[in-house]
Amino acid sequence: MNKDLTIVILTHNNENVIRRALESVVGIGKVLVVDSGSTDETLSICNEFKVDLVINKFISFKDQRNFALSKVYTEFTLFLDSDEKVSQLLKNFLINDFKLLEDNVDINIFEIFRTEYYDNIEVVYGFGRSNYQTRLLRTKQVYYDGDVHEYPVCKSGNTTKKLDSSIRIDHNPNRDLDSILSRLVPYAKLASIKKIKNGRKVSSLVMFLNFNYQLLRLCWNGRKDGRAGLVAAWAEAISRAITYLYVYDDNNKN
């Protein structure tokens, strides 16, 4: 058990995936679940495990993560999504080799590689491929910022380090088209709000050209992933087109 580490999991109606996440962190360190008002069996499942459970109204991911950090009293915090799990290699590292991180006193953010899947097959090349995530933080030295996609910021300096890519977080292997589409419009709407605030102007010509450009570029990059790459490319191109559509609509009101 690592006494210097708290694993934080944010939840909201995640009964289908939360057990996998909690089982993967048993014996690693303290576990804090911050729930934003689940109405399914998420809380009941969490209560089967030795975790600290806090309810906090959701405003944004940035605010929810900062709230979670305010409740952590260990030197380090590891953020784990409810549809992720800690791989066995990462678990071993966090228990047995953590001193390697503690000795890096000037580093406040550690990036961990996350394996991305589509229908149980890893996505390697295109959009949504496996990549590094900033998840392990020196608790009191970092806060979150960002309106659409939140990101950690060092309070002093900007020191980060990547862990070996074999030490991974595993995303949901059952990720499919339904799960991609369920997030498509909400994320597009959030992205459009930021663009509108920044005064972005979008014409009908720009909408047309942008969609075709994004689709061709994303499909080309994801072609090596086969069906998974093409599905991710089309979905992302559509999401970006919807973002521009929201901006176009706002530009032309009244």
Protein backbone atom coordinates (compact mmCIF):
# COMPACT_ATOMS: atom_id res chain seq x y z
CA MET A 1 0.00 0.00 0.00
CA ASN A 2 1.36 3.39 -1.04
CA LYS A 3 0.65 5.87 1.77
CA ASP A 4 1.76 8.84 -0.34
CA LEU A 5 -0.82 8.31 -3.12
CA THR A 6 -4.56 8.92 -3.48
CA ILE A 7 -6.41 7.62 -6.53
CA VAL A 8 -9.30 9.93 -7.46
CA ILE A 9 -12.21 8.71 -9.58
CA LEU A 10 -14.95 11.09 -10.75
CA THR A 11 -18.31 9.40 -11.24
CA HIS A 12 -21.81 10.06 -12.53
CA ASN A 13 -24.12 7.15 -13.41
CA ASN A 14 -21.22 4.80 -14.22
CA GLU A 15 -22.67 1.53 -12.92
CA ASN A 16 -21.57 -0.34 -16.06
CA VAL A 17 -17.86 0.46 -15.71
CA ILE A 18 -17.02 1.60 -12.17
CA ARG A 19 -16.48 -1.88 -10.70
CA ARG A 20 -13.68 -2.55 -13.20
CA ALA A 21 -11.95 0.69 -12.20
CA LEU A 22 -12.26 0.06 -8.46
CA GLU A 23 -11.08 -3.54 -8.67
CA SER A 24 -7.95 -2.40 -10.50
CA VAL A 25 -6.86 -0.01 -7.70
CA VAL A 26 -7.38 -2.29 -4.71
CA GLY A 27 -4.23 -2.32 -2.56
CA ILE A 28 -2.47 0.55 -4.34
CA GLY A 29 -3.26 3.53 -2.11
CA LYS A 30 -6.11 5.62 -0.76
CA VAL A 31 -9.13 5.91 -3.06
CA LEU A 32 -11.40 8.95 -3.26
CA VAL A 33 -14.58 8.83 -5.35
CA VAL A 34 -16.16 12.21 -6.14
CA ASP A 35 -19.69 11.67 -7.44
CA SER A 36 -21.85 14.39 -8.99
CA GLY A 37 -25.25 12.91 -8.10
CA SER A 38 -25.57 9.43 -9.57
CA THR A 39 -29.08 7.98 -9.69
CA ASP A 40 -28.12 4.45 -10.77
CA GLU A 41 -26.17 1.80 -8.81
CA THR A 42 -22.84 3.64 -8.97
CA LEU A 43 -22.82 4.62 -5.28
CA SER A 44 -23.89 1.15 -4.14
CA ILE A 45 -21.02 -0.42 -6.06
CA CYS A 46 -18.55 2.10 -4.63
CA ASN A 47 -19.71 1.26 -1.11
CA GLU A 48 -18.62 -2.35 -1.67
CA PHE A 49 -15.02 -1.11 -1.73
CA LYS A 50 -12.84 0.66 0.83
CA VAL A 51 -13.12 4.17 -0.59
CA ASP A 52 -13.86 7.68 0.62
CA LEU A 53 -17.02 8.85 -1.14
CA VAL A 54 -17.92 12.53 -1.55
CA ILE A 55 -20.90 14.04 -3.38
CA ASN A 56 -20.29 17.33 -5.17
CA LYS A 57 -22.51 19.12 -7.68
CA PHE A 58 -20.99 19.09 -11.16
CA ILE A 59 -20.20 22.46 -12.74
CA SER A 60 -17.32 21.50 -15.02
CA PHE A 61 -14.56 18.90 -15.13
CA LYS A 62 -12.09 21.64 -14.19
CA ASP A 63 -14.05 22.51 -11.06
CA GLN A 64 -14.68 18.88 -10.16
CA ARG A 65 -11.00 18.00 -10.37
CA ASN A 66 -9.98 21.05 -8.35
CA PHE A 67 -12.57 20.13 -5.72
CA ALA A 68 -11.14 16.62 -5.59
CA LEU A 69 -7.60 17.97 -5.14
CA SER A 70 -8.82 20.05 -2.18
CA LYS A 71 -9.91 16.79 -0.49
CA VAL A 72 -6.61 14.97 -1.01
CA TYR A 73 -4.01 14.98 1.76
CA THR A 74 -1.36 12.71 0.28
CA GLU A 75 1.66 14.05 -1.61
CA PHE A 76 0.51 12.58 -4.93
CA THR A 77 -2.84 12.24 -6.73
CA LEU A 78 -3.62 9.87 -9.57
CA PHE A 79 -6.77 10.70 -11.55
CA LEU A 80 -8.48 7.66 -13.04
CA ASP A 81 -11.63 7.91 -15.18
CA SER A 82 -14.54 5.69 -14.25
CA ASP A 83 -14.22 3.77 -17.53
CA GLU A 84 -10.48 3.13 -17.10
CA LYS A 85 -8.41 0.71 -15.08
CA VAL A 86 -4.85 0.60 -13.78
CA SER A 87 -2.86 -2.03 -15.66
CA GLN A 88 -0.94 -4.64 -13.68
CA LEU A 89 2.40 -3.11 -14.68
CA LEU A 90 1.27 0.33 -13.51
CA LYS A 91 -0.07 -1.15 -10.28
CA ASN A 92 3.27 -2.83 -9.58
CA PHE A 93 5.09 0.41 -10.31
CA LEU A 94 2.87 2.49 -8.00
CA ILE A 95 3.36 0.03 -5.15
CA ASN A 96 6.98 -1.04 -5.57
CA ASP A 97 8.85 1.68 -7.49
CA PHE A 98 7.12 4.88 -6.41
CA LYS A 99 10.26 6.21 -4.73
CA LEU A 100 11.58 6.90 -8.25
CA LEU A 101 8.89 9.57 -8.57
CA GLU A 102 9.26 10.96 -5.07
CA ASP A 103 12.97 11.51 -5.67
CA ASN A 104 12.13 13.77 -8.67
CA VAL A 105 11.40 16.71 -6.35
CA ASP A 106 11.33 19.27 -9.18
CA ILE A 107 8.69 17.39 -11.20
CA ASN A 108 5.02 18.05 -10.40
CA ILE A 109 3.22 16.30 -13.28
CA PHE A 110 3.84 12.76 -14.56
CA GLU A 111 2.32 11.60 -17.84
CA ILE A 112 1.03 8.04 -18.15
CA PHE A 113 0.36 6.25 -21.43
CA ARG A 114 -3.30 5.28 -21.98
CA THR A 115 -4.34 2.40 -24.22
CA GLU A 116 -7.34 3.33 -26.37
CA TYR A 117 -9.69 0.73 -27.81
CA TYR A 118 -12.47 0.32 -30.32
CA ASP A 119 -14.38 -2.96 -30.02
CA ASN A 120 -11.54 -4.50 -27.96
CA ILE A 121 -8.84 -3.62 -30.52
CA GLU A 122 -6.20 -1.01 -29.71
CA VAL A 123 -6.31 2.19 -31.78
CA VAL A 124 -2.70 2.93 -32.68
CA TYR A 125 -2.46 5.43 -35.55
CA GLY A 126 -5.42 7.75 -36.10
CA PHE A 127 -7.59 10.13 -34.10
CA GLY A 128 -8.33 8.83 -30.59
CA ARG A 129 -5.24 6.62 -30.62
CA SER A 130 -3.34 5.50 -27.53
CA ASN A 131 -1.37 8.41 -26.12
CA TYR A 132 0.05 10.05 -23.01
CA GLN A 133 -2.28 11.56 -20.41
CA THR A 134 -1.34 13.96 -17.58
CA ARG A 135 -2.80 12.02 -14.66
CA LEU A 136 -0.27 11.72 -11.81
CA LEU A 137 0.23 14.99 -9.93
CA ARG A 138 2.05 16.38 -6.92
CA THR A 139 -1.17 17.35 -5.13
CA LYS A 140 -0.46 20.76 -3.67
CA GLN A 141 1.62 21.99 -6.61
CA VAL A 142 -1.00 21.67 -9.35
CA TYR A 143 -4.48 22.95 -10.22
CA TYR A 144 -6.77 22.48 -13.24
CA ASP A 145 -7.71 25.07 -15.86
CA GLY A 146 -9.51 25.01 -19.25
CA ASP A 147 -13.12 25.61 -20.25
CA VAL A 148 -13.66 22.67 -22.62
CA HIS A 149 -10.81 20.22 -22.08
CA GLU A 150 -9.38 20.69 -18.60
CA TYR A 151 -5.63 20.43 -18.09
CA PRO A 152 -3.28 20.54 -15.08
CA VAL A 153 -1.17 23.64 -14.44
CA CYS A 154 1.87 23.83 -12.16
CA LYS A 155 1.65 26.59 -9.55
CA SER A 156 5.37 27.24 -10.03
CA GLY A 157 7.32 26.22 -13.13
CA ASN A 158 6.04 23.68 -15.63
CA THR A 159 7.89 20.46 -14.97
CA THR A 160 6.57 17.20 -16.41
CA LYS A 161 7.93 13.71 -17.00
CA LYS A 162 6.66 10.78 -19.05
CA LEU A 163 6.62 7.34 -17.46
CA ASP A 164 7.70 4.42 -19.62
CA SER A 165 5.01 3.70 -22.24
CA SER A 166 4.68 0.09 -21.06
CA ILE A 167 3.28 1.33 -17.72
CA ARG A 168 -0.28 2.06 -18.78
CA ILE A 169 -3.80 3.03 -17.95
CA ASP A 170 -6.29 0.93 -19.94
CA HIS A 171 -9.35 2.71 -21.32
CA ASN A 172 -12.68 0.97 -21.83
CA PRO A 173 -12.08 -1.93 -24.28
CA ASN A 174 -15.82 -2.04 -25.08
CA ARG A 175 -15.79 1.48 -26.52
CA ASP A 176 -18.02 1.37 -29.61
CA LEU A 177 -19.91 3.62 -31.98
CA ASP A 178 -22.74 4.25 -29.51
CA SER A 179 -20.34 5.46 -26.82
CA ILE A 180 -18.57 7.73 -29.32
CA LEU A 181 -21.81 9.24 -30.62
CA SER A 182 -23.23 9.79 -27.13
CA ARG A 183 -20.44 12.31 -26.45
CA LEU A 184 -20.28 13.85 -29.91
CA VAL A 185 -22.84 16.66 -29.58
CA PRO A 186 -22.12 17.61 -25.93
CA TYR A 187 -18.39 18.04 -26.63
CA ALA A 188 -19.11 19.94 -29.85
CA LYS A 189 -21.40 22.32 -27.99
CA LEU A 190 -18.77 22.95 -25.29
CA ALA A 191 -16.13 23.61 -27.95
CA SER A 192 -18.44 26.05 -29.73
CA ILE A 193 -19.03 28.05 -26.54
CA LYS A 194 -15.31 28.73 -26.26
CA LYS A 195 -15.06 29.77 -29.91
CA ILE A 196 -18.07 32.08 -29.57
CA LYS A 197 -16.55 33.70 -26.46
CA ASN A 198 -13.35 34.27 -28.43
CA GLY A 199 -15.29 36.01 -31.22
CA ARG A 200 -14.88 33.28 -33.86
CA LYS A 201 -16.71 33.97 -37.13
CA VAL A 202 -17.85 31.12 -39.39
CA SER A 203 -19.36 31.41 -42.85
CA SER A 204 -21.27 28.71 -44.74
CA LEU A 205 -18.26 28.31 -47.04
CA VAL A 206 -15.94 27.78 -44.08
CA MET A 207 -18.30 25.13 -42.69
CA PHE A 208 -18.28 23.25 -45.97
CA LEU A 209 -14.54 23.46 -46.54
CA ASN A 210 -13.66 22.68 -42.93
CA PHE A 211 -15.73 19.50 -42.80
CA ASN A 212 -14.26 18.10 -46.00
CA TYR A 213 -10.72 19.05 -45.02
CA GLN A 214 -11.07 17.52 -41.54
CA LEU A 215 -12.66 14.35 -42.90
CA LEU A 216 -9.95 13.75 -45.49
CA ARG A 217 -7.12 14.52 -43.06
CA LEU A 218 -8.51 12.41 -40.24
CA CYS A 219 -9.36 9.46 -42.50
CA TRP A 220 -5.87 9.53 -43.99
CA ASN A 221 -4.25 9.53 -40.54
CA GLY A 222 -6.50 6.73 -39.26
CA ARG A 223 -6.45 4.46 -42.32
CA LYS A 224 -3.94 2.04 -40.73
CA ASP A 225 -6.41 1.32 -37.92
CA GLY A 226 -8.95 0.01 -40.44
CA ARG A 227 -12.61 0.22 -39.40
CA ALA A 228 -11.74 1.72 -36.01
CA GLY A 229 -9.70 4.49 -37.60
CA LEU A 230 -12.39 5.38 -40.15
CA VAL A 231 -15.19 5.38 -37.57
CA ALA A 232 -13.17 7.65 -35.26
CA ALA A 233 -12.27 9.93 -38.19
CA TRP A 234 -15.87 10.33 -39.38
CA ALA A 235 -17.15 10.91 -35.84
CA GLU A 236 -14.53 13.55 -35.08
CA ALA A 237 -15.09 15.31 -38.41
CA ILE A 238 -18.82 15.42 -37.68
CA SER A 239 -18.14 16.72 -34.16
CA ARG A 240 -15.99 19.54 -35.51
CA ALA A 241 -18.64 20.34 -38.14
CA ILE A 242 -21.31 20.55 -35.42
CA THR A 243 -19.01 22.87 -33.45
CA TYR A 244 -18.81 25.18 -36.46
CA LEU A 245 -22.57 24.88 -36.99
CA TYR A 246 -23.24 26.15 -33.45
CA VAL A 247 -20.87 29.07 -34.06
CA TYR A 248 -22.43 29.82 -37.46
CA ASP A 249 -25.89 29.80 -35.93
CA ASP A 250 -24.80 32.16 -33.14
CA ASN A 251 -23.09 34.49 -35.64
CA ASN A 252 -26.27 34.83 -37.68
CA LYS A 253 -28.91 35.28 -34.97
CA ASN A 254 -31.18 38.32 -35.45
